[in-house]
Amino acid sequence: MRQSIHLLLLLAIPRLVPACQRDMAAHRRAWEAARPSSYVFEYQRTCFCPASRAWWRITVKRDSVAGAQLVDSTGLTRGLRYIHTLAQPTLSELFTEIAADLEPATAWARVDYDPQWHFPMNATGDVVDRTDSKWTLIVRNFRPL
């Protein structure tokens, strides 16, 4: 029974990924057309990796990260020393991150977009045939500057 479920998932994934990529391309175009030149947002990435679950406040100016402040590390279980060496993304770069996460043939993702600005505000995905590959991205408190 379990093998049949995995087989069904593997058969369904190739149909889901192109739809997700089409949606992402449309939202990326809308984001690029509307995005402010400077903005701030809070961001969390959860995965099986160091510094997972930390919340960051990212300040972006002219589509480059101008500042990254650790807002909350209470959910952090490992990687405390490593956390400050991480490069944080702009909202434009989140589209690229999600697209890269969809590259394996057995990958899937579900992405919710901000209704006004069209950036990814909540995304989750996995690579079905890999252990510990599930990830989530959450964006909150977006504000143009």
N, C-alpha and C. Protein backbone atom coordinates (compact mmCIF):
# COMPACT_ATOMS: atom_id res chain seq x y z
N MET A 1 0.83 -1.20 0.00
CA MET A 1 0.00 0.00 0.00
C MET A 1 0.87 1.26 0.00
N ARG A 2 1.89 1.27 0.87
CA ARG A 2 2.75 2.44 0.97
C ARG A 2 3.50 2.70 -0.34
N GLN A 3 3.94 1.63 -1.01
CA GLN A 3 4.62 1.79 -2.29
C GLN A 3 3.69 2.38 -3.34
N SER A 4 2.41 1.99 -3.31
CA SER A 4 1.46 2.55 -4.28
C SER A 4 1.26 4.05 -4.07
N ILE A 5 1.23 4.47 -2.82
CA ILE A 5 1.06 5.90 -2.53
C ILE A 5 2.27 6.67 -3.05
N HIS A 6 3.48 6.15 -2.79
CA HIS A 6 4.68 6.81 -3.28
C HIS A 6 4.69 6.86 -4.81
N LEU A 7 4.26 5.79 -5.46
CA LEU A 7 4.21 5.76 -6.91
C LEU A 7 3.22 6.81 -7.42
N LEU A 8 2.05 6.90 -6.78
CA LEU A 8 1.07 7.90 -7.19
C LEU A 8 1.62 9.32 -7.02
N LEU A 9 2.33 9.56 -5.92
CA LEU A 9 2.93 10.87 -5.71
C LEU A 9 3.96 11.18 -6.79
N LEU A 10 4.80 10.22 -7.12
CA LEU A 10 5.82 10.44 -8.15
C LEU A 10 5.19 10.69 -9.51
N LEU A 11 4.07 10.03 -9.80
CA LEU A 11 3.40 10.24 -11.07
C LEU A 11 2.71 11.61 -11.12
N ALA A 12 2.24 12.09 -9.99
CA ALA A 12 1.52 13.37 -9.94
C ALA A 12 2.47 14.56 -9.97
N ILE A 13 3.68 14.44 -9.44
CA ILE A 13 4.60 15.57 -9.31
C ILE A 13 4.91 16.24 -10.63
N PRO A 14 5.23 15.50 -11.72
CA PRO A 14 5.55 16.21 -12.97
C PRO A 14 4.44 17.12 -13.46
N ARG A 15 3.19 16.83 -13.14
CA ARG A 15 2.09 17.70 -13.55
C ARG A 15 1.94 18.91 -12.64
N LEU A 16 2.31 18.78 -11.36
CA LEU A 16 2.17 19.88 -10.41
C LEU A 16 3.25 20.93 -10.59
N VAL A 17 4.48 20.51 -10.85
CA VAL A 17 5.60 21.44 -10.92
C VAL A 17 5.44 22.46 -12.04
N PRO A 18 5.09 22.07 -13.30
CA PRO A 18 4.93 23.10 -14.33
C PRO A 18 3.86 24.14 -13.98
N ALA A 19 2.77 23.72 -13.36
CA ALA A 19 1.72 24.67 -12.95
C ALA A 19 2.28 25.63 -11.90
N CYS A 20 3.02 25.11 -10.94
CA CYS A 20 3.63 25.95 -9.91
C CYS A 20 4.63 26.92 -10.55
N GLN A 21 5.41 26.44 -11.52
CA GLN A 21 6.39 27.30 -12.19
C GLN A 21 5.70 28.38 -13.03
N ARG A 22 4.59 28.04 -13.68
CA ARG A 22 3.83 29.05 -14.45
C ARG A 22 3.27 30.12 -13.53
N ASP A 23 2.67 29.68 -12.42
CA ASP A 23 2.14 30.63 -11.44
C ASP A 23 3.25 31.53 -10.91
N MET A 24 4.39 30.91 -10.60
CA MET A 24 5.51 31.66 -10.05
C MET A 24 6.02 32.69 -11.07
N ALA A 25 6.09 32.32 -12.33
CA ALA A 25 6.56 33.25 -13.37
C ALA A 25 5.61 34.45 -13.48
N ALA A 26 4.31 34.19 -13.42
CA ALA A 26 3.32 35.28 -13.51
C ALA A 26 3.43 36.20 -12.29
N HIS A 27 3.56 35.62 -11.11
CA HIS A 27 3.68 36.44 -9.89
C HIS A 27 5.01 37.19 -9.86
N ARG A 28 6.06 36.57 -10.37
CA ARG A 28 7.36 37.25 -10.40
C ARG A 28 7.29 38.48 -11.31
N ARG A 29 6.67 38.34 -12.48
CA ARG A 29 6.51 39.49 -13.37
C ARG A 29 5.71 40.60 -12.69
N ALA A 30 4.63 40.22 -12.00
CA ALA A 30 3.80 41.22 -11.29
C ALA A 30 4.60 41.88 -10.16
N TRP A 31 5.38 41.10 -9.41
CA TRP A 31 6.22 41.64 -8.34
C TRP A 31 7.24 42.62 -8.93
N GLU A 32 7.93 42.21 -9.98
CA GLU A 32 8.96 43.07 -10.58
C GLU A 32 8.36 44.38 -11.11
N ALA A 33 7.14 44.33 -11.60
CA ALA A 33 6.48 45.54 -12.12
C ALA A 33 6.05 46.48 -10.99
N ALA A 34 5.70 45.92 -9.84
CA ALA A 34 5.13 46.72 -8.75
C ALA A 34 6.09 46.98 -7.59
N ARG A 35 7.17 46.24 -7.50
CA ARG A 35 8.00 46.29 -6.29
C ARG A 35 8.57 47.67 -6.03
N PRO A 36 8.55 48.07 -4.77
CA PRO A 36 9.16 49.36 -4.43
C PRO A 36 10.69 49.24 -4.48
N SER A 37 11.37 50.35 -4.65
CA SER A 37 12.83 50.31 -4.73
C SER A 37 13.46 50.01 -3.37
N SER A 38 12.75 50.33 -2.31
CA SER A 38 13.23 50.04 -0.95
C SER A 38 12.08 49.49 -0.12
N TYR A 39 12.38 48.48 0.68
CA TYR A 39 11.34 47.87 1.52
C TYR A 39 11.99 47.09 2.65
N VAL A 40 11.16 46.71 3.61
CA VAL A 40 11.59 45.90 4.73
C VAL A 40 10.59 44.76 4.89
N PHE A 41 11.07 43.60 5.34
CA PHE A 41 10.19 42.46 5.61
C PHE A 41 10.86 41.54 6.61
N GLU A 42 10.06 40.67 7.21
CA GLU A 42 10.59 39.64 8.10
C GLU A 42 10.46 38.31 7.39
N TYR A 43 11.44 37.44 7.63
CA TYR A 43 11.59 36.22 6.85
C TYR A 43 12.07 35.07 7.74
N GLN A 44 11.51 33.89 7.48
CA GLN A 44 11.96 32.68 8.18
C GLN A 44 12.04 31.55 7.17
N ARG A 45 13.14 30.80 7.20
CA ARG A 45 13.29 29.59 6.41
C ARG A 45 13.41 28.44 7.39
N THR A 46 12.62 27.40 7.17
CA THR A 46 12.68 26.21 7.99
C THR A 46 13.09 25.05 7.10
N CYS A 47 14.11 24.34 7.52
CA CYS A 47 14.59 23.18 6.77
C CYS A 47 15.44 22.34 7.72
N PHE A 48 15.98 21.25 7.21
CA PHE A 48 16.89 20.43 8.00
C PHE A 48 18.29 20.99 7.74
N CYS A 49 18.55 22.16 8.32
CA CYS A 49 19.81 22.85 8.08
C CYS A 49 20.12 23.74 9.29
N PRO A 50 21.39 24.14 9.44
CA PRO A 50 21.72 25.04 10.56
C PRO A 50 20.96 26.35 10.43
N ALA A 51 20.65 26.93 11.55
CA ALA A 51 19.98 28.23 11.65
C ALA A 51 18.53 28.22 11.16
N SER A 52 17.96 27.04 11.01
CA SER A 52 16.56 26.93 10.63
C SER A 52 15.68 27.51 11.73
N ARG A 53 14.59 28.15 11.35
CA ARG A 53 13.57 28.71 12.24
C ARG A 53 13.89 30.08 12.81
N ALA A 54 15.00 30.68 12.46
CA ALA A 54 15.31 32.03 12.92
C ALA A 54 14.49 33.03 12.09
N TRP A 55 14.02 34.08 12.74
CA TRP A 55 13.32 35.17 12.05
C TRP A 55 14.29 36.32 11.84
N TRP A 56 14.30 36.85 10.62
CA TRP A 56 15.17 37.96 10.25
C TRP A 56 14.34 39.14 9.77
N ARG A 57 14.79 40.35 10.07
CA ARG A 57 14.21 41.56 9.48
C ARG A 57 15.21 42.01 8.42
N ILE A 58 14.76 42.00 7.18
CA ILE A 58 15.61 42.31 6.04
C ILE A 58 15.23 43.68 5.50
N THR A 59 16.23 44.54 5.33
CA THR A 59 16.02 45.85 4.71
C THR A 59 16.65 45.80 3.32
N VAL A 60 15.87 46.16 2.31
CA VAL A 60 16.33 46.12 0.92
C VAL A 60 16.29 47.53 0.35
N LYS A 61 17.39 47.91 -0.29
CA LYS A 61 17.47 49.20 -0.98
C LYS A 61 18.05 48.95 -2.37
N ARG A 62 17.35 49.43 -3.40
CA ARG A 62 17.74 49.23 -4.79
C ARG A 62 18.01 47.76 -5.10
N ASP A 63 17.13 46.90 -4.65
CA ASP A 63 17.16 45.45 -4.86
C ASP A 63 18.41 44.75 -4.33
N SER A 64 19.02 45.33 -3.30
CA SER A 64 20.14 44.69 -2.61
C SER A 64 19.86 44.73 -1.11
N VAL A 65 20.28 43.70 -0.42
CA VAL A 65 20.09 43.67 1.03
C VAL A 65 21.01 44.72 1.65
N ALA A 66 20.41 45.68 2.33
CA ALA A 66 21.15 46.75 3.00
C ALA A 66 21.35 46.44 4.48
N GLY A 67 20.55 45.52 5.02
CA GLY A 67 20.68 45.16 6.41
C GLY A 67 19.88 43.91 6.73
N ALA A 68 20.40 43.11 7.66
CA ALA A 68 19.70 41.91 8.11
C ALA A 68 19.87 41.83 9.62
N GLN A 69 18.75 41.90 10.31
CA GLN A 69 18.77 41.90 11.77
C GLN A 69 18.06 40.65 12.27
N LEU A 70 18.70 39.91 13.15
CA LEU A 70 18.07 38.75 13.77
C LEU A 70 16.97 39.25 14.70
N VAL A 71 15.73 38.83 14.44
CA VAL A 71 14.58 39.30 15.21
C VAL A 71 14.23 38.31 16.32
N ASP A 72 14.27 37.02 16.01
CA ASP A 72 13.85 36.00 16.97
C ASP A 72 14.57 34.70 16.66
N SER A 73 15.31 34.20 17.63
CA SER A 73 15.99 32.92 17.45
C SER A 73 15.50 31.87 18.45
N THR A 74 14.33 32.09 19.05
CA THR A 74 13.84 31.16 20.07
C THR A 74 13.56 29.77 19.51
N GLY A 75 13.17 29.66 18.24
CA GLY A 75 12.91 28.35 17.65
C GLY A 75 14.15 27.65 17.15
N LEU A 76 15.27 28.32 17.23
CA LEU A 76 16.53 27.79 16.71
C LEU A 76 17.03 26.65 17.57
N THR A 77 17.31 25.52 16.94
CA THR A 77 17.77 24.36 17.70
C THR A 77 19.26 24.10 17.51
N ARG A 78 19.85 24.61 16.44
CA ARG A 78 21.29 24.44 16.20
C ARG A 78 21.76 25.53 15.24
N GLY A 79 23.07 25.71 15.21
CA GLY A 79 23.63 26.68 14.28
C GLY A 79 23.74 28.09 14.84
N LEU A 80 23.79 28.24 16.17
CA LEU A 80 23.84 29.58 16.75
C LEU A 80 25.08 30.37 16.33
N ARG A 81 26.23 29.72 16.24
CA ARG A 81 27.44 30.42 15.81
C ARG A 81 27.40 30.71 14.32
N TYR A 82 26.81 29.81 13.59
CA TYR A 82 26.75 29.88 12.12
C TYR A 82 25.77 30.93 11.61
N ILE A 83 24.79 31.26 12.42
CA ILE A 83 23.65 32.06 11.98
C ILE A 83 24.03 33.42 11.40
N HIS A 84 25.02 34.07 11.95
CA HIS A 84 25.35 35.43 11.50
C HIS A 84 26.18 35.45 10.22
N THR A 85 26.61 34.30 9.73
CA THR A 85 27.37 34.25 8.48
C THR A 85 26.45 34.08 7.27
N LEU A 86 25.17 33.89 7.50
CA LEU A 86 24.24 33.63 6.41
C LEU A 86 23.92 34.90 5.61
N ALA A 87 23.87 34.74 4.31
CA ALA A 87 23.40 35.83 3.45
C ALA A 87 21.88 35.71 3.37
N GLN A 88 21.20 36.81 3.54
CA GLN A 88 19.74 36.81 3.52
C GLN A 88 19.24 37.30 2.16
N PRO A 89 18.10 36.79 1.70
CA PRO A 89 17.62 37.12 0.35
C PRO A 89 16.75 38.37 0.31
N THR A 90 16.69 38.96 -0.88
CA THR A 90 15.66 39.95 -1.18
C THR A 90 14.40 39.17 -1.54
N LEU A 91 13.27 39.84 -1.65
CA LEU A 91 12.06 39.13 -2.07
C LEU A 91 12.19 38.65 -3.51
N SER A 92 12.90 39.38 -4.36
CA SER A 92 13.15 38.92 -5.73
C SER A 92 13.95 37.62 -5.73
N GLU A 93 14.91 37.52 -4.83
CA GLU A 93 15.74 36.31 -4.75
C GLU A 93 14.97 35.10 -4.22
N LEU A 94 13.88 35.33 -3.47
CA LEU A 94 13.07 34.20 -3.01
C LEU A 94 12.48 33.43 -4.19
N PHE A 95 12.10 34.14 -5.25
CA PHE A 95 11.60 33.45 -6.44
C PHE A 95 12.67 32.50 -6.99
N THR A 96 13.92 32.95 -7.04
CA THR A 96 15.02 32.14 -7.54
C THR A 96 15.26 30.94 -6.62
N GLU A 97 15.21 31.16 -5.31
CA GLU A 97 15.37 30.06 -4.34
C GLU A 97 14.32 28.98 -4.54
N ILE A 98 13.08 29.40 -4.67
CA ILE A 98 11.98 28.43 -4.83
C ILE A 98 12.15 27.67 -6.15
N ALA A 99 12.51 28.38 -7.22
CA ALA A 99 12.72 27.73 -8.52
C ALA A 99 13.84 26.70 -8.42
N ALA A 100 14.91 27.01 -7.72
CA ALA A 100 16.02 26.06 -7.54
C ALA A 100 15.56 24.84 -6.74
N ASP A 101 14.71 25.07 -5.75
CA ASP A 101 14.20 23.96 -4.95
C ASP A 101 13.30 23.04 -5.77
N LEU A 102 12.76 23.53 -6.88
CA LEU A 102 11.89 22.73 -7.74
C LEU A 102 12.64 21.99 -8.85
N GLU A 103 13.95 22.15 -8.93
CA GLU A 103 14.71 21.53 -10.02
C GLU A 103 14.71 20.01 -10.02
N PRO A 104 14.85 19.33 -8.88
CA PRO A 104 14.82 17.86 -8.95
C PRO A 104 13.48 17.36 -9.52
N ALA A 105 13.53 16.29 -10.27
CA ALA A 105 12.32 15.76 -10.92
C ALA A 105 11.25 15.34 -9.92
N THR A 106 11.64 15.01 -8.70
CA THR A 106 10.67 14.54 -7.71
C THR A 106 10.33 15.63 -6.68
N ALA A 107 10.56 16.88 -7.03
CA ALA A 107 10.28 17.99 -6.11
C ALA A 107 8.85 18.50 -6.31
N TRP A 108 8.31 19.08 -5.24
CA TRP A 108 7.01 19.75 -5.31
C TRP A 108 7.07 20.98 -4.40
N ALA A 109 6.20 21.92 -4.65
CA ALA A 109 6.09 23.10 -3.79
C ALA A 109 4.67 23.64 -3.88
N ARG A 110 4.27 24.27 -2.80
CA ARG A 110 3.00 25.02 -2.75
C ARG A 110 3.36 26.41 -2.30
N VAL A 111 2.98 27.41 -3.08
CA VAL A 111 3.36 28.78 -2.80
C VAL A 111 2.11 29.65 -2.75
N ASP A 112 1.98 30.44 -1.69
CA ASP A 112 0.93 31.45 -1.59
C ASP A 112 1.60 32.81 -1.77
N TYR A 113 0.95 33.67 -2.53
CA TYR A 113 1.52 34.97 -2.87
C TYR A 113 0.73 36.08 -2.22
N ASP A 114 1.43 37.16 -1.90
CA ASP A 114 0.77 38.35 -1.38
C ASP A 114 -0.19 38.87 -2.45
N PRO A 115 -1.46 39.12 -2.10
CA PRO A 115 -2.44 39.52 -3.11
C PRO A 115 -2.18 40.90 -3.73
N GLN A 116 -1.51 41.79 -3.03
CA GLN A 116 -1.24 43.12 -3.57
C GLN A 116 0.11 43.19 -4.29
N TRP A 117 1.16 42.67 -3.65
CA TRP A 117 2.52 42.85 -4.17
C TRP A 117 3.04 41.63 -4.95
N HIS A 118 2.43 40.48 -4.77
CA HIS A 118 2.74 39.25 -5.52
C HIS A 118 4.05 38.56 -5.14
N PHE A 119 4.67 38.90 -4.03
CA PHE A 119 5.86 38.15 -3.60
C PHE A 119 5.42 36.87 -2.89
N PRO A 120 6.28 35.84 -2.83
CA PRO A 120 5.93 34.62 -2.10
C PRO A 120 5.84 34.93 -0.60
N MET A 121 4.68 34.70 0.00
CA MET A 121 4.55 35.00 1.42
C MET A 121 4.53 33.74 2.27
N ASN A 122 4.24 32.62 1.65
CA ASN A 122 4.24 31.34 2.37
C ASN A 122 4.49 30.25 1.34
N ALA A 123 5.56 29.50 1.52
CA ALA A 123 5.88 28.44 0.57
C ALA A 123 6.38 27.22 1.33
N THR A 124 6.01 26.06 0.84
CA THR A 124 6.51 24.82 1.42
C THR A 124 6.78 23.85 0.28
N GLY A 125 7.77 23.01 0.46
CA GLY A 125 8.09 22.05 -0.59
C GLY A 125 8.92 20.90 -0.05
N ASP A 126 9.18 19.97 -0.93
CA ASP A 126 9.94 18.78 -0.55
C ASP A 126 10.43 18.11 -1.83
N VAL A 127 11.43 17.28 -1.67
CA VAL A 127 11.87 16.37 -2.73
C VAL A 127 11.51 14.99 -2.20
N VAL A 128 10.54 14.36 -2.86
CA VAL A 128 9.91 13.15 -2.33
C VAL A 128 10.89 12.02 -2.08
N ASP A 129 11.89 11.84 -2.93
CA ASP A 129 12.78 10.70 -2.78
C ASP A 129 14.06 11.03 -2.01
N ARG A 130 14.08 12.12 -1.25
CA ARG A 130 15.24 12.49 -0.43
C ARG A 130 14.81 12.63 1.02
N THR A 131 15.69 12.23 1.91
CA THR A 131 15.42 12.34 3.34
C THR A 131 15.73 13.76 3.80
N ASP A 132 14.91 14.28 4.70
CA ASP A 132 15.13 15.59 5.33
C ASP A 132 15.27 16.73 4.33
N SER A 133 14.44 16.73 3.30
CA SER A 133 14.53 17.79 2.29
C SER A 133 13.35 18.75 2.32
N LYS A 134 12.44 18.58 3.27
CA LYS A 134 11.28 19.47 3.36
C LYS A 134 11.74 20.87 3.80
N TRP A 135 11.10 21.91 3.24
CA TRP A 135 11.45 23.28 3.57
C TRP A 135 10.19 24.14 3.59
N THR A 136 10.26 25.24 4.32
CA THR A 136 9.21 26.26 4.30
C THR A 136 9.88 27.64 4.29
N LEU A 137 9.19 28.58 3.68
CA LEU A 137 9.59 29.99 3.69
C LEU A 137 8.37 30.80 4.10
N ILE A 138 8.55 31.70 5.03
CA ILE A 138 7.45 32.56 5.47
C ILE A 138 7.93 34.01 5.44
N VAL A 139 7.12 34.88 4.87
CA VAL A 139 7.41 36.31 4.84
C VAL A 139 6.26 37.02 5.56
N ARG A 140 6.61 37.93 6.43
CA ARG A 140 5.59 38.69 7.15
C ARG A 140 6.07 40.15 7.30
N ASN A 141 5.16 41.02 7.68
CA ASN A 141 5.46 42.41 8.00
C ASN A 141 6.19 43.16 6.87
N PHE A 142 5.77 42.91 5.63
CA PHE A 142 6.33 43.65 4.50
C PHE A 142 5.87 45.10 4.55
N ARG A 143 6.80 46.00 4.28
CA ARG A 143 6.46 47.43 4.27
C ARG A 143 7.39 48.17 3.32
N PRO A 144 6.84 48.89 2.34
CA PRO A 144 7.68 49.74 1.50
C PRO A 144 8.29 50.85 2.36
N LEU A 145 9.49 51.30 2.01
CA LEU A 145 10.13 52.40 2.74
C LEU A 145 10.00 53.70 1.96
